């Protein structure tokens, strides 16, 4: 029973903690890789804008002595940093 499971896992491409995603058709795989690259770039670009916007909000909150806006702005900074680093996260979880 265990041998059948390991054969199935090896046939799916998940060997020693790696996962090889692919359709087996080179033209479709290259198109999907291009789509992944464009999506990651777009998300990272939006993340940069969000971090800049949040930095501006933090500056305005400090200037106006309005400490109620700072936690929300820090959440935006954290979200923007995650969006900027999304390419690294995808690289960790997908081949």
PDB file of N, CA and C in Angstrom:
ATOM      1  N   UNK A   1       0.826  -1.197   0.000  1.00  0.00           N
ATOM      2  CA  UNK A   1       0.000   0.000   0.000  1.00  0.00           C
ATOM      3  C   UNK A   1       0.870   1.262   0.000  1.00  0.00           C
ATOM      4  N   UNK A   2       1.890   1.279   0.858  1.00  0.00           N
ATOM      5  CA  UNK A   2       2.756   2.459   0.953  1.00  0.00           C
ATOM      6  C   UNK A   2       3.533   2.671  -0.345  1.00  0.00           C
ATOM      7  N   UNK A   3       3.911   1.603  -0.999  1.00  0.00           N
ATOM      8  CA  UNK A   3       4.649   1.702  -2.251  1.00  0.00           C
ATOM      9  C   UNK A   3       3.792   2.351  -3.335  1.00  0.00           C
ATOM     10  N   UNK A   4       2.498   2.044  -3.360  1.00  0.00           N
ATOM     11  CA  UNK A   4       1.601   2.658  -4.338  1.00  0.00           C
ATOM     12  C   UNK A   4       1.469   4.159  -4.081  1.00  0.00           C
ATOM     13  N   UNK A   5       1.430   4.532  -2.819  1.00  0.00           N
ATOM     14  CA  UNK A   5       1.313   5.953  -2.480  1.00  0.00           C
ATOM     15  C   UNK A   5       2.575   6.703  -2.899  1.00  0.00           C
ATOM     16  N   UNK A   6       3.734   6.149  -2.594  1.00  0.00           N
ATOM     17  CA  UNK A   6       4.968   6.837  -2.979  1.00  0.00           C
ATOM     18  C   UNK A   6       5.131   6.879  -4.492  1.00  0.00           C
ATOM     19  N   UNK A   7       4.699   5.827  -5.203  1.00  0.00           N
ATOM     20  CA  UNK A   7       4.742   5.868  -6.667  1.00  0.00           C
ATOM     21  C   UNK A   7       3.841   6.967  -7.203  1.00  0.00           C
ATOM     22  N   UNK A   8       2.668   7.114  -6.593  1.00  0.00           N
ATOM     23  CA  UNK A   8       1.746   8.164  -7.015  1.00  0.00           C
ATOM     24  C   UNK A   8       2.347   9.548  -6.759  1.00  0.00           C
ATOM     25  N   UNK A   9       2.955   9.726  -5.588  1.00  0.00           N
ATOM     26  CA  UNK A   9       3.568  11.016  -5.248  1.00  0.00           C
ATOM     27  C   UNK A   9       4.703  11.332  -6.222  1.00  0.00           C
ATOM     28  N   UNK A  10       5.516  10.344  -6.545  1.00  0.00           N
ATOM     29  CA  UNK A  10       6.617  10.563  -7.486  1.00  0.00           C
ATOM     30  C   UNK A  10       6.082  10.880  -8.884  1.00  0.00           C
ATOM     31  N   UNK A  11       4.976  10.251  -9.263  1.00  0.00           N
ATOM     32  CA  UNK A  11       4.417  10.521 -10.592  1.00  0.00           C
ATOM     33  C   UNK A  11       3.833  11.921 -10.680  1.00  0.00           C
ATOM     34  N   UNK A  12       3.387  12.481  -9.553  1.00  0.00           N
ATOM     35  CA  UNK A  12       2.826  13.830  -9.543  1.00  0.00           C
ATOM     36  C   UNK A  12       3.912  14.898  -9.505  1.00  0.00           C
ATOM     37  N   UNK A  13       5.149  14.517  -9.255  1.00  0.00           N
ATOM     38  CA  UNK A  13       6.234  15.484  -9.260  1.00  0.00           C
ATOM     39  C   UNK A  13       6.630  15.984  -7.889  1.00  0.00           C
ATOM     40  N   UNK A  14       5.939  15.545  -6.853  1.00  0.00           N
ATOM     41  CA  UNK A  14       6.269  15.989  -5.501  1.00  0.00           C
ATOM     42  C   UNK A  14       7.292  15.029  -4.912  1.00  0.00           C
ATOM     43  N   UNK A  15       8.559  15.318  -5.121  1.00  0.00           N
ATOM     44  CA  UNK A  15       9.627  14.464  -4.647  1.00  0.00           C
ATOM     45  C   UNK A  15      10.513  15.278  -3.709  1.00  0.00           C
ATOM     46  N   UNK A  16      10.704  14.794  -2.515  1.00  0.00           N
ATOM     47  CA  UNK A  16      11.576  15.419  -1.522  1.00  0.00           C
ATOM     48  C   UNK A  16      11.192  16.879  -1.262  1.00  0.00           C
ATOM     49  N   UNK A  17       9.908  17.142  -1.112  1.00  0.00           N
ATOM     50  CA  UNK A  17       9.456  18.469  -0.724  1.00  0.00           C
ATOM     51  C   UNK A  17       9.329  19.464  -1.858  1.00  0.00           C
ATOM     52  N   UNK A  18       9.544  19.058  -3.099  1.00  0.00           N
ATOM     53  CA  UNK A  18       9.388  20.000  -4.201  1.00  0.00           C
ATOM     54  C   UNK A  18       8.136  19.651  -4.979  1.00  0.00           C
ATOM     55  N   UNK A  19       7.569  20.626  -5.622  1.00  0.00           N
ATOM     56  CA  UNK A  19       6.373  20.423  -6.415  1.00  0.00           C
ATOM     57  C   UNK A  19       6.620  21.001  -7.797  1.00  0.00           C
ATOM     58  N   UNK A  20       6.485  20.188  -8.794  1.00  0.00           N
ATOM     59  CA  UNK A  20       6.710  20.619 -10.164  1.00  0.00           C
ATOM     60  C   UNK A  20       5.349  20.776 -10.854  1.00  0.00           C
ATOM     61  N   UNK A  21       4.909  22.002 -10.995  1.00  0.00           N
ATOM     62  CA  UNK A  21       3.642  22.253 -11.651  1.00  0.00           C
ATOM     63  C   UNK A  21       3.873  22.353 -13.149  1.00  0.00           C
ATOM     64  N   UNK A  22       3.004  21.794 -13.907  1.00  0.00           N
ATOM     65  CA  UNK A  22       3.115  21.897 -15.346  1.00  0.00           C
ATOM     66  C   UNK A  22       2.047  21.077 -16.027  1.00  0.00           C
ATOM     67  N   UNK A  23       1.722  21.474 -17.229  1.00  0.00           N
ATOM     68  CA  UNK A  23       0.701  20.766 -17.983  1.00  0.00           C
ATOM     69  C   UNK A  23       1.305  19.696 -18.878  1.00  0.00           C
ATOM     70  N   UNK A  24       2.588  19.809 -19.122  1.00  0.00           N
ATOM     71  CA  UNK A  24       3.230  18.880 -20.034  1.00  0.00           C
ATOM     72  C   UNK A  24       3.275  19.405 -21.462  1.00  0.00           C
ATOM     73  N   UNK A  25       2.636  20.525 -21.708  1.00  0.00           N
ATOM     74  CA  UNK A  25       2.635  21.155 -23.026  1.00  0.00           C
ATOM     75  C   UNK A  25       3.461  22.432 -22.909  1.00  0.00           C
ATOM     76  N   UNK A  26       4.562  22.479 -23.632  1.00  0.00           N
ATOM     77  CA  UNK A  26       5.537  23.560 -23.461  1.00  0.00           C
ATOM     78  C   UNK A  26       4.940  24.939 -23.742  1.00  0.00           C
ATOM     79  N   UNK A  27       4.114  25.071 -24.757  1.00  0.00           N
ATOM     80  CA  UNK A  27       3.571  26.389 -25.095  1.00  0.00           C
ATOM     81  C   UNK A  27       2.617  26.895 -24.016  1.00  0.00           C
ATOM     82  N   UNK A  28       1.849  25.993 -23.432  1.00  0.00           N
ATOM     83  CA  UNK A  28       0.937  26.401 -22.359  1.00  0.00           C
ATOM     84  C   UNK A  28       1.731  26.730 -21.104  1.00  0.00           C
ATOM     85  N   UNK A  29       2.741  25.915 -20.788  1.00  0.00           N
ATOM     86  CA  UNK A  29       3.567  26.176 -19.608  1.00  0.00           C
ATOM     87  C   UNK A  29       4.284  27.517 -19.711  1.00  0.00           C
ATOM     88  N   UNK A  30       4.818  27.844 -20.883  1.00  0.00           N
ATOM     89  CA  UNK A  30       5.507  29.125 -21.034  1.00  0.00           C
ATOM     90  C   UNK A  30       4.520  30.288 -20.901  1.00  0.00           C
ATOM     91  N   UNK A  31       3.308  30.121 -21.413  1.00  0.00           N
ATOM     92  CA  UNK A  31       2.290  31.159 -21.261  1.00  0.00           C
ATOM     93  C   UNK A  31       1.897  31.362 -19.815  1.00  0.00           C
ATOM     94  N   UNK A  32       1.765  30.254 -19.081  1.00  0.00           N
ATOM     95  CA  UNK A  32       1.426  30.365 -17.667  1.00  0.00           C
ATOM     96  C   UNK A  32       2.561  30.993 -16.872  1.00  0.00           C
ATOM     97  N   UNK A  33       3.804  30.682 -17.227  1.00  0.00           N
ATOM     98  CA  UNK A  33       4.940  31.313 -16.549  1.00  0.00           C
ATOM     99  C   UNK A  33       4.994  32.805 -16.808  1.00  0.00           C
ATOM    100  N   UNK A  34       4.671  33.210 -18.035  1.00  0.00           N
ATOM    101  CA  UNK A  34       4.619  34.639 -18.363  1.00  0.00           C
ATOM    102  C   UNK A  34       3.510  35.315 -17.564  1.00  0.00           C
ATOM    103  N   UNK A  35       2.352  34.666 -17.489  1.00  0.00           N
ATOM    104  CA  UNK A  35       1.232  35.211 -16.726  1.00  0.00           C
ATOM    105  C   UNK A  35       1.594  35.340 -15.252  1.00  0.00           C
ATOM    106  N   UNK A  36       2.289  34.338 -14.704  1.00  0.00           N
ATOM    107  CA  UNK A  36       2.722  34.395 -13.310  1.00  0.00           C
ATOM    108  C   UNK A  36       3.694  35.548 -13.093  1.00  0.00           C
ATOM    109  N   UNK A  37       4.638  35.727 -14.009  1.00  0.00           N
ATOM    110  CA  UNK A  37       5.622  36.794 -13.880  1.00  0.00           C
ATOM    111  C   UNK A  37       4.964  38.168 -13.940  1.00  0.00           C
ATOM    112  N   UNK A  38       4.029  38.341 -14.865  1.00  0.00           N
ATOM    113  CA  UNK A  38       3.327  39.628 -14.985  1.00  0.00           C
ATOM    114  C   UNK A  38       2.487  39.889 -13.742  1.00  0.00           C
ATOM    115  N   UNK A  39       1.805  38.865 -13.239  1.00  0.00           N
ATOM    116  CA  UNK A  39       0.969  39.035 -12.047  1.00  0.00           C
ATOM    117  C   UNK A  39       1.800  39.414 -10.832  1.00  0.00           C
ATOM    118  N   UNK A  40       2.924  38.734 -10.648  1.00  0.00           N
ATOM    119  CA  UNK A  40       3.798  39.045  -9.513  1.00  0.00           C
ATOM    120  C   UNK A  40       4.334  40.470  -9.641  1.00  0.00           C
ATOM    121  N   UNK A  41       4.717  40.877 -10.830  1.00  0.00           N
ATOM    122  CA  UNK A  41       5.203  42.239 -11.035  1.00  0.00           C
ATOM    123  C   UNK A  41       4.140  43.284 -10.758  1.00  0.00           C
ATOM    124  N   UNK A  42       2.909  43.009 -11.190  1.00  0.00           N
ATOM    125  CA  UNK A  42       1.811  43.941 -10.960  1.00  0.00           C
ATOM    126  C   UNK A  42       1.499  44.052  -9.472  1.00  0.00           C
ATOM    127  N   UNK A  43       1.445  42.926  -8.784  1.00  0.00           N
ATOM    128  CA  UNK A  43       1.163  42.944  -7.350  1.00  0.00           C
ATOM    129  C   UNK A  43       2.280  43.657  -6.593  1.00  0.00           C
ATOM    130  N   UNK A  44       3.520  43.424  -6.983  1.00  0.00           N
ATOM    131  CA  UNK A  44       4.644  44.103  -6.327  1.00  0.00           C
ATOM    132  C   UNK A  44       4.587  45.603  -6.560  1.00  0.00           C
ATOM    133  N   UNK A  45       4.222  46.013  -7.767  1.00  0.00           N
ATOM    134  CA  UNK A  45       4.093  47.445  -8.060  1.00  0.00           C
ATOM    135  C   UNK A  45       3.005  48.101  -7.238  1.00  0.00           C
ATOM    136  N   UNK A  46       1.879  47.426  -7.085  1.00  0.00           N
ATOM    137  CA  UNK A  46       0.796  47.960  -6.250  1.00  0.00           C
ATOM    138  C   UNK A  46       1.255  48.033  -4.796  1.00  0.00           C
ATOM    139  N   UNK A  47       2.041  47.040  -4.365  1.00  0.00           N
ATOM    140  CA  UNK A  47       2.572  47.051  -3.002  1.00  0.00           C
ATOM    141  C   UNK A  47       3.463  48.241  -2.744  1.00  0.00           C
ATOM    142  N   UNK A  48       4.267  48.616  -3.729  1.00  0.00           N
ATOM    143  CA  UNK A  48       5.130  49.794  -3.582  1.00  0.00           C
ATOM    144  C   UNK A  48       4.289  51.056  -3.418  1.00  0.00           C
ATOM    145  N   UNK A  49       3.228  51.167  -4.196  1.00  0.00           N
ATOM    146  CA  UNK A  49       2.344  52.330  -4.095  1.00  0.00           C
ATOM    147  C   UNK A  49       1.677  52.369  -2.719  1.00  0.00           C
ATOM    148  N   UNK A  50       1.246  51.209  -2.220  1.00  0.00           N
ATOM    149  CA  UNK A  50       0.584  51.165  -0.913  1.00  0.00           C
ATOM    150  C   UNK A  50       1.546  51.557   0.205  1.00  0.00           C
ATOM    151  N   UNK A  51       2.797  51.081   0.129  1.00  0.00           N
ATOM    152  CA  UNK A  51       3.783  51.451   1.153  1.00  0.00           C
ATOM    153  C   UNK A  51       4.041  52.956   1.119  1.00  0.00           C
ATOM    154  N   UNK A  52       4.142  53.536  -0.066  1.00  0.00           N
ATOM    155  CA  UNK A  52       4.360  54.984  -0.168  1.00  0.00           C
ATOM    156  C   UNK A  52       3.157  55.755   0.376  1.00  0.00           C
ATOM    157  N   UNK A  53       1.958  55.292   0.035  1.00  0.00           N
ATOM    158  CA  UNK A  53       0.742  55.939   0.511  1.00  0.00           C
ATOM    159  C   UNK A  53       0.653  55.854   2.036  1.00  0.00           C
ATOM    160  N   UNK A  54       0.978  54.683   2.601  1.00  0.00           N
ATOM    161  CA  UNK A  54       0.924  54.513   4.051  1.00  0.00           C
ATOM    162  C   UNK A  54       1.985  55.379   4.737  1.00  0.00           C
ATOM    163  N   UNK A  55       3.152  55.486   4.126  1.00  0.00           N
ATOM    164  CA  UNK A  55       4.177  56.363   4.687  1.00  0.00           C
ATOM    165  C   UNK A  55       3.712  57.801   4.729  1.00  0.00           C
ATOM    166  N   UNK A  56       3.026  58.225   3.678  1.00  0.00           N
ATOM    167  CA  UNK A  56       2.455  59.577   3.657  1.00  0.00           C
ATOM    168  C   UNK A  56       1.416  59.737   4.758  1.00  0.00           C
ATOM    169  N   UNK A  57       0.558  58.711   4.945  1.00  0.00           N
ATOM    170  CA  UNK A  57      -0.464  58.787   5.993  1.00  0.00           C
ATOM    171  C   UNK A  57       0.159  58.845   7.387  1.00  0.00           C
ATOM    172  N   UNK A  58       1.225  58.092   7.605  1.00  0.00           N
ATOM    173  CA  UNK A  58       1.907  58.136   8.902  1.00  0.00           C
ATOM    174  C   UNK A  58       2.485  59.535   9.132  1.00  0.00           C
ATOM    175  N   UNK A  59       3.108  60.087   8.117  1.00  0.00           N
ATOM    176  CA  UNK A  59       3.655  61.442   8.230  1.00  0.00           C
ATOM    177  C   UNK A  59       2.580  62.465   8.533  1.00  0.00           C
ATOM    178  N   UNK A  60       1.440  62.360   7.855  1.00  0.00           N
ATOM    179  CA  UNK A  60       0.348  63.306   8.110  1.00  0.00           C
ATOM    180  C   UNK A  60      -0.230  63.123   9.511  1.00  0.00           C
ATOM    181  N   UNK A  61      -0.324  61.880   9.972  1.00  0.00           N
ATOM    182  CA  UNK A  61      -0.845  61.628  11.319  1.00  0.00           C
ATOM    183  C   UNK A  61       0.088  62.202  12.370  1.00  0.00           C
ATOM    184  N   UNK A  62       1.387  62.058  12.167  1.00  0.00           N
ATOM    185  CA  UNK A  62       2.341  62.625  13.120  1.00  0.00           C
ATOM    186  C   UNK A  62       2.328  64.153  13.073  1.00  0.00           C
ATOM    187  N   UNK A  63       2.174  64.697  11.878  1.00  0.00           N
ATOM    188  CA  UNK A  63       2.153  66.154  11.723  1.00  0.00           C
ATOM    189  C   UNK A  63       0.919  66.745  12.410  1.00  0.00           C
ATOM    190  N   UNK A  64      -0.232  66.064  12.276  1.00  0.00           N
ATOM    191  CA  UNK A  64      -1.480  66.566  12.842  1.00  0.00           C
ATOM    192  C   UNK A  64      -1.716  66.095  14.277  1.00  0.00           C
ATOM    193  N   UNK A  65      -0.770  65.354  14.832  1.00  0.00           N
ATOM    194  CA  UNK A  65      -0.885  64.806  16.187  1.00  0.00           C
ATOM    195  C   UNK A  65      -2.142  63.955  16.337  1.00  0.00           C
ATOM    196  N   UNK A  66      -2.464  63.190  15.304  1.00  0.00           N
ATOM    197  CA  UNK A  66      -3.635  62.321  15.312  1.00  0.00           C
ATOM    198  C   UNK A  66      -3.146  60.872  15.383  1.00  0.00           C
ATOM    199  N   UNK A  67      -3.011  60.367  16.598  1.00  0.00           N
ATOM    200  CA  UNK A  67      -2.458  59.022  16.773  1.00  0.00           C
ATOM    201  C   UNK A  67      -3.448  57.919  16.419  1.00  0.00           C
ATOM    202  N   UNK A  68      -4.702  58.250  16.185  1.00  0.00           N
ATOM    203  CA  UNK A  68      -5.700  57.237  15.834  1.00  0.00           C
ATOM    204  C   UNK A  68      -5.457  56.680  14.427  1.00  0.00           C
ATOM    205  N   UNK A  69      -4.801  57.428  13.554  1.00  0.00           N
ATOM    206  CA  UNK A  69      -4.569  56.985  12.181  1.00  0.00           C
ATOM    207  C   UNK A  69      -3.319  56.124  12.044  1.00  0.00           C
ATOM    208  N   UNK A  70      -2.442  56.146  13.016  1.00  0.00           N
ATOM    209  CA  UNK A  70      -1.158  55.442  12.898  1.00  0.00           C
ATOM    210  C   UNK A  70      -1.319  53.926  12.812  1.00  0.00           C
ATOM    211  N   UNK A  71      -2.160  53.268  13.649  1.00  0.00           N
ATOM    212  CA  UNK A  71      -2.274  51.806  13.520  1.00  0.00           C
ATOM    213  C   UNK A  71      -2.762  51.342  12.147  1.00  0.00           C
ATOM    214  N   UNK A  72      -3.724  52.039  11.586  1.00  0.00           N
ATOM    215  CA  UNK A  72      -4.206  51.686  10.253  1.00  0.00           C
ATOM    216  C   UNK A  72      -3.129  51.867   9.193  1.00  0.00           C
ATOM    217  N   UNK A  73      -2.339  52.905   9.357  1.00  0.00           N
ATOM    218  CA  UNK A  73      -1.251  53.144   8.405  1.00  0.00           C
ATOM    219  C   UNK A  73      -0.168  52.080   8.527  1.00  0.00           C
ATOM    220  N   UNK A  74       0.120  51.652   9.751  1.00  0.00           N
ATOM    221  CA  UNK A  74       1.110  50.589   9.934  1.00  0.00           C
ATOM    222  C   UNK A  74       0.625  49.269   9.336  1.00  0.00           C
ATOM    223  N   UNK A  75      -0.674  49.026   9.407  1.00  0.00           N
ATOM    224  CA  UNK A  75      -1.240  47.833   8.754  1.00  0.00           C
ATOM    225  C   UNK A  75      -1.070  47.913   7.245  1.00  0.00           C
ATOM    226  N   UNK A  76      -1.241  49.107   6.694  1.00  0.00           N
ATOM    227  CA  UNK A  76      -1.039  49.277   5.257  1.00  0.00           C
ATOM    228  C   UNK A  76       0.418  49.050   4.876  1.00  0.00           C
ATOM    229  N   UNK A  77       1.331  49.514   5.712  1.00  0.00           N
ATOM    230  CA  UNK A  77       2.762  49.282   5.451  1.00  0.00           C
ATOM    231  C   UNK A  77       3.042  47.779   5.440  1.00  0.00           C
ATOM    232  N   UNK A  78       2.511  47.066   6.437  1.00  0.00           N
ATOM    233  CA  UNK A  78       2.739  45.620   6.506  1.00  0.00           C
ATOM    234  C   UNK A  78       2.142  44.912   5.286  1.00  0.00           C
ATOM    235  N   UNK A  79       0.944  45.296   4.905  1.00  0.00           N
ATOM    236  CA  UNK A  79       0.318  44.700   3.720  1.00  0.00           C
ATOM    237  C   UNK A  79       1.094  45.009   2.455  1.00  0.00           C
ATOM    238  N   UNK A  80       1.568  46.230   2.332  1.00  0.00           N
ATOM    239  CA  UNK A  80       2.365  46.604   1.167  1.00  0.00           C
ATOM    240  C   UNK A  80       3.673  45.836   1.094  1.00  0.00           C
ATOM    241  N   UNK A  81       4.310  45.622   2.252  1.00  0.00           N
ATOM    242  CA  UNK A  81       5.559  44.862   2.261  1.00  0.00           C
ATOM    243  C   UNK A  81       5.327  43.411   1.869  1.00  0.00           C
ATOM    244  N   UNK A  82       4.196  42.853   2.288  1.00  0.00           N
ATOM    245  CA  UNK A  82       3.853  41.492   1.864  1.00  0.00           C
ATOM    246  C   UNK A  82       3.638  41.461   0.361  1.00  0.00           C
ATOM    247  N   UNK A  83       2.966  42.471  -0.170  1.00  0.00           N
ATOM    248  CA  UNK A  83       2.733  42.517  -1.612  1.00  0.00           C
ATOM    249  C   UNK A  83       4.039  42.683  -2.383  1.00  0.00           C
ATOM    250  N   UNK A  84       4.964  43.459  -1.852  1.00  0.00           N
ATOM    251  CA  UNK A  84       6.254  43.631  -2.513  1.00  0.00           C
ATOM    252  C   UNK A  84       7.020  42.313  -2.533  1.00  0.00           C
ATOM    253  N   UNK A  85       6.947  41.577  -1.442  1.00  0.00           N
ATOM    254  CA  UNK A  85       7.683  40.320  -1.348  1.00  0.00           C
ATOM    255  C   UNK A  85       6.941  39.109  -1.859  1.00  0.00           C
ATOM    256  N   UNK A  86       5.844  39.305  -2.581  1.00  0.00           N
ATOM    257  CA  UNK A  86       5.025  38.170  -3.025  1.00  0.00           C
ATOM    258  C   UNK A  86       5.791  37.232  -3.947  1.00  0.00           C
ATOM    259  N   UNK A  87       6.728  37.759  -4.713  1.00  0.00           N
ATOM    260  CA  UNK A  87       7.519  36.904  -5.588  1.00  0.00           C
ATOM    261  C   UNK A  87       8.358  35.904  -4.803  1.00  0.00           C
ATOM    262  N   UNK A  88       8.880  36.340  -3.678  1.00  0.00           N
ATOM    263  CA  UNK A  88       9.658  35.435  -2.824  1.00  0.00           C
ATOM    264  C   UNK A  88       8.736  34.377  -2.224  1.00  0.00           C
ATOM    265  N   UNK A  89       7.544  34.784  -1.783  1.00  0.00           N
ATOM    266  CA  UNK A  89       6.616  33.827  -1.192  1.00  0.00           C
ATOM    267  C   UNK A  89       6.171  32.790  -2.220  1.00  0.00           C
ATOM    268  N   UNK A  90       5.897  33.215  -3.429  1.00  0.00           N
ATOM    269  CA  UNK A  90       5.504  32.266  -4.473  1.00  0.00           C
ATOM    270  C   UNK A  90       6.661  31.343  -4.796  1.00  0.00           C
ATOM    271  N   UNK A  91       7.882  31.864  -4.795  1.00  0.00           N
ATOM    272  CA  UNK A  91       9.040  31.035  -5.035  1.00  0.00           C
ATOM    273  C   UNK A  91       9.259  29.988  -3.964  1.00  0.00           C
ATOM    274  N   UNK A  92       8.871  30.310  -2.733  1.00  0.00           N
ATOM    275  CA  UNK A  92       9.017  29.348  -1.641  1.00  0.00           C
ATOM    276  C   UNK A  92       7.998  28.216  -1.734  1.00  0.00           C
ATOM    277  N   UNK A  93       6.790  28.528  -2.195  1.00  0.00           N
ATOM    278  CA  UNK A  93       5.719  27.550  -2.172  1.00  0.00           C
ATOM    279  C   UNK A  93       5.464  26.872  -3.513  1.00  0.00           C
ATOM    280  N   UNK A  94       5.934  27.415  -4.587  1.00  0.00           N
ATOM    281  CA  UNK A  94       5.706  26.829  -5.914  1.00  0.00           C
ATOM    282  C   UNK A  94       7.000  26.843  -6.707  1.00  0.00           C
ATOM    283  N   UNK A  95       7.139  25.843  -7.529  1.00  0.00           N
ATOM    284  CA  UNK A  95       8.346  25.746  -8.343  1.00  0.00           C
ATOM    285  C   UNK A  95       8.248  26.629  -9.555  1.00  0.00           C
TER     286      UNK A  95
END
